Amino acid sequence: MRKLKSNIGWLIDKSEYTREDLRQRYNKTANTISNWCTGKSYPSVLELYDLAELLNCKVDDLYERKVEKTD
C-alpha cells in the first residue's frame, strides 16, 4: 500500500514562517495546519502550489511516497 508522508512541518520549521503564519494565510484552524503537517489531511491543489512557492520548494517536496508492507 502506498501512502504519503508529509514534509510540510519540516519545511515550515526550516523556513522563516510559522504554523500561525500559515493558519492566517490560508484562513485555517491550528488543527488543520497540524493535520497538514502530520498527513492526516491535505491542502487543496491551489494551496499546495501556493505553499510550495511560499516555502521555496517544489510541490513534490511537500510529500514523500512511502510503501507500507501489508500482511
C-alpha atoms as a PDB file:
ATOM      1  CA  MET A   1       0.000   0.000   0.000  1.00  0.00           C
ATOM      2  CA  ARG A   2       1.305   3.449  -0.879  1.00  0.00           C
ATOM      3  CA  LYS A   3       0.980   6.393   1.461  1.00  0.00           C
ATOM      4  CA  LEU A   4       2.165   9.961   1.504  1.00  0.00           C
ATOM      5  CA  LYS A   5       4.467  11.186   4.253  1.00  0.00           C
ATOM      6  CA  SER A   6       4.112  14.906   4.822  1.00  0.00           C
ATOM      7  CA  ASN A   7       7.251  17.059   4.838  1.00  0.00           C
ATOM      8  CA  ILE A   8       5.249  20.230   5.424  1.00  0.00           C
ATOM      9  CA  GLY A   9       6.070  20.521   9.137  1.00  0.00           C
ATOM     10  CA  TRP A  10       9.789  20.099   8.482  1.00  0.00           C
ATOM     11  CA  LEU A  11       9.704  22.622   5.647  1.00  0.00           C
ATOM     12  CA  ILE A  12       7.855  25.143   7.817  1.00  0.00           C
ATOM     13  CA  ASP A  13      10.394  24.655  10.630  1.00  0.00           C
ATOM     14  CA  LYS A  14      13.309  25.439   8.323  1.00  0.00           C
ATOM     15  CA  SER A  15      11.552  28.440   6.749  1.00  0.00           C
ATOM     16  CA  GLU A  16      11.023  31.954   8.022  1.00  0.00           C
ATOM     17  CA  TYR A  17       7.318  31.167   8.518  1.00  0.00           C
ATOM     18  CA  THR A  18       5.435  29.692  11.466  1.00  0.00           C
ATOM     19  CA  ARG A  19       2.382  27.480  11.560  1.00  0.00           C
ATOM     20  CA  GLU A  20       0.491  30.533  12.788  1.00  0.00           C
ATOM     21  CA  ASP A  21       1.553  32.398   9.639  1.00  0.00           C
ATOM     22  CA  LEU A  22       0.109  29.586   7.523  1.00  0.00           C
ATOM     23  CA  ARG A  23      -3.048  29.459   9.614  1.00  0.00           C
ATOM     24  CA  GLN A  24      -3.671  33.125   8.903  1.00  0.00           C
ATOM     25  CA  ARG A  25      -2.631  32.980   5.234  1.00  0.00           C
ATOM     26  CA  TYR A  26      -4.999  30.112   4.420  1.00  0.00           C
ATOM     27  CA  ASN A  27      -7.691  31.046   6.950  1.00  0.00           C
ATOM     28  CA  LYS A  28      -7.491  27.595   8.561  1.00  0.00           C
ATOM     29  CA  THR A  29      -7.587  26.389  12.150  1.00  0.00           C
ATOM     30  CA  ALA A  30      -4.427  25.432  14.014  1.00  0.00           C
ATOM     31  CA  ASN A  31      -5.737  21.855  13.968  1.00  0.00           C
ATOM     32  CA  THR A  32      -5.986  21.887  10.155  1.00  0.00           C
ATOM     33  CA  ILE A  33      -2.399  23.105   9.775  1.00  0.00           C
ATOM     34  CA  SER A  34      -1.282  20.426  12.242  1.00  0.00           C
ATOM     35  CA  ASN A  35      -3.138  17.805  10.183  1.00  0.00           C
ATOM     36  CA  TRP A  36      -1.362  19.009   7.030  1.00  0.00           C
ATOM     37  CA  CYS A  37       1.960  18.590   8.847  1.00  0.00           C
ATOM     38  CA  THR A  38       1.158  15.061  10.013  1.00  0.00           C
ATOM     39  CA  GLY A  39      -0.533  13.905   6.806  1.00  0.00           C
ATOM     40  CA  LYS A  40      -3.957  13.407   8.397  1.00  0.00           C
ATOM     41  CA  SER A  41      -5.444  15.822   5.858  1.00  0.00           C
ATOM     42  CA  TYR A  42      -4.180  17.618   2.796  1.00  0.00           C
ATOM     43  CA  PRO A  43      -4.242  21.146   1.386  1.00  0.00           C
ATOM     44  CA  SER A  44      -6.204  21.754  -1.804  1.00  0.00           C
ATOM     45  CA  VAL A  45      -4.272  21.712  -5.065  1.00  0.00           C
ATOM     46  CA  LEU A  46      -4.234  25.517  -5.202  1.00  0.00           C
ATOM     47  CA  GLU A  47      -3.000  25.638  -1.599  1.00  0.00           C
ATOM     48  CA  LEU A  48      -0.290  23.070  -2.387  1.00  0.00           C
ATOM     49  CA  TYR A  49       1.130  25.210  -5.168  1.00  0.00           C
ATOM     50  CA  ASP A  50       0.959  28.371  -3.074  1.00  0.00           C
ATOM     51  CA  LEU A  51       2.515  26.575  -0.093  1.00  0.00           C
ATOM     52  CA  ALA A  52       5.370  25.255  -2.235  1.00  0.00           C
ATOM     53  CA  GLU A  53       6.051  28.748  -3.533  1.00  0.00           C
ATOM     54  CA  LEU A  54       5.897  30.182  -0.007  1.00  0.00           C
ATOM     55  CA  LEU A  55       8.273  27.522   1.363  1.00  0.00           C
ATOM     56  CA  ASN A  56      10.575  27.847  -1.658  1.00  0.00           C
ATOM     57  CA  CYS A  57      10.270  24.247  -2.785  1.00  0.00           C
ATOM     58  CA  LYS A  58       8.544  22.135  -5.414  1.00  0.00           C
ATOM     59  CA  VAL A  59       5.108  20.643  -4.810  1.00  0.00           C
ATOM     60  CA  ASP A  60       6.810  17.226  -4.969  1.00  0.00           C
ATOM     61  CA  ASP A  61       8.929  18.205  -1.958  1.00  0.00           C
ATOM     62  CA  LEU A  62       5.877  18.629   0.279  1.00  0.00           C
ATOM     63  CA  TYR A  63       5.299  14.851   0.426  1.00  0.00           C
ATOM     64  CA  GLU A  64       7.221  11.608   0.078  1.00  0.00           C
ATOM     65  CA  ARG A  65       5.688   8.433  -1.262  1.00  0.00           C
ATOM     66  CA  LYS A  66       6.014   5.565   1.192  1.00  0.00           C
ATOM     67  CA  VAL A  67       5.263   1.907   0.569  1.00  0.00           C
ATOM     68  CA  GLU A  68       3.815   0.066   3.552  1.00  0.00           C
ATOM     69  CA  LYS A  69       4.010  -3.683   3.725  1.00  0.00           C
ATOM     70  CA  THR A  70       0.712  -5.467   4.198  1.00  0.00           C
ATOM     71  CA  ASP A  71       0.344  -8.788   5.913  1.00  0.00           C
END
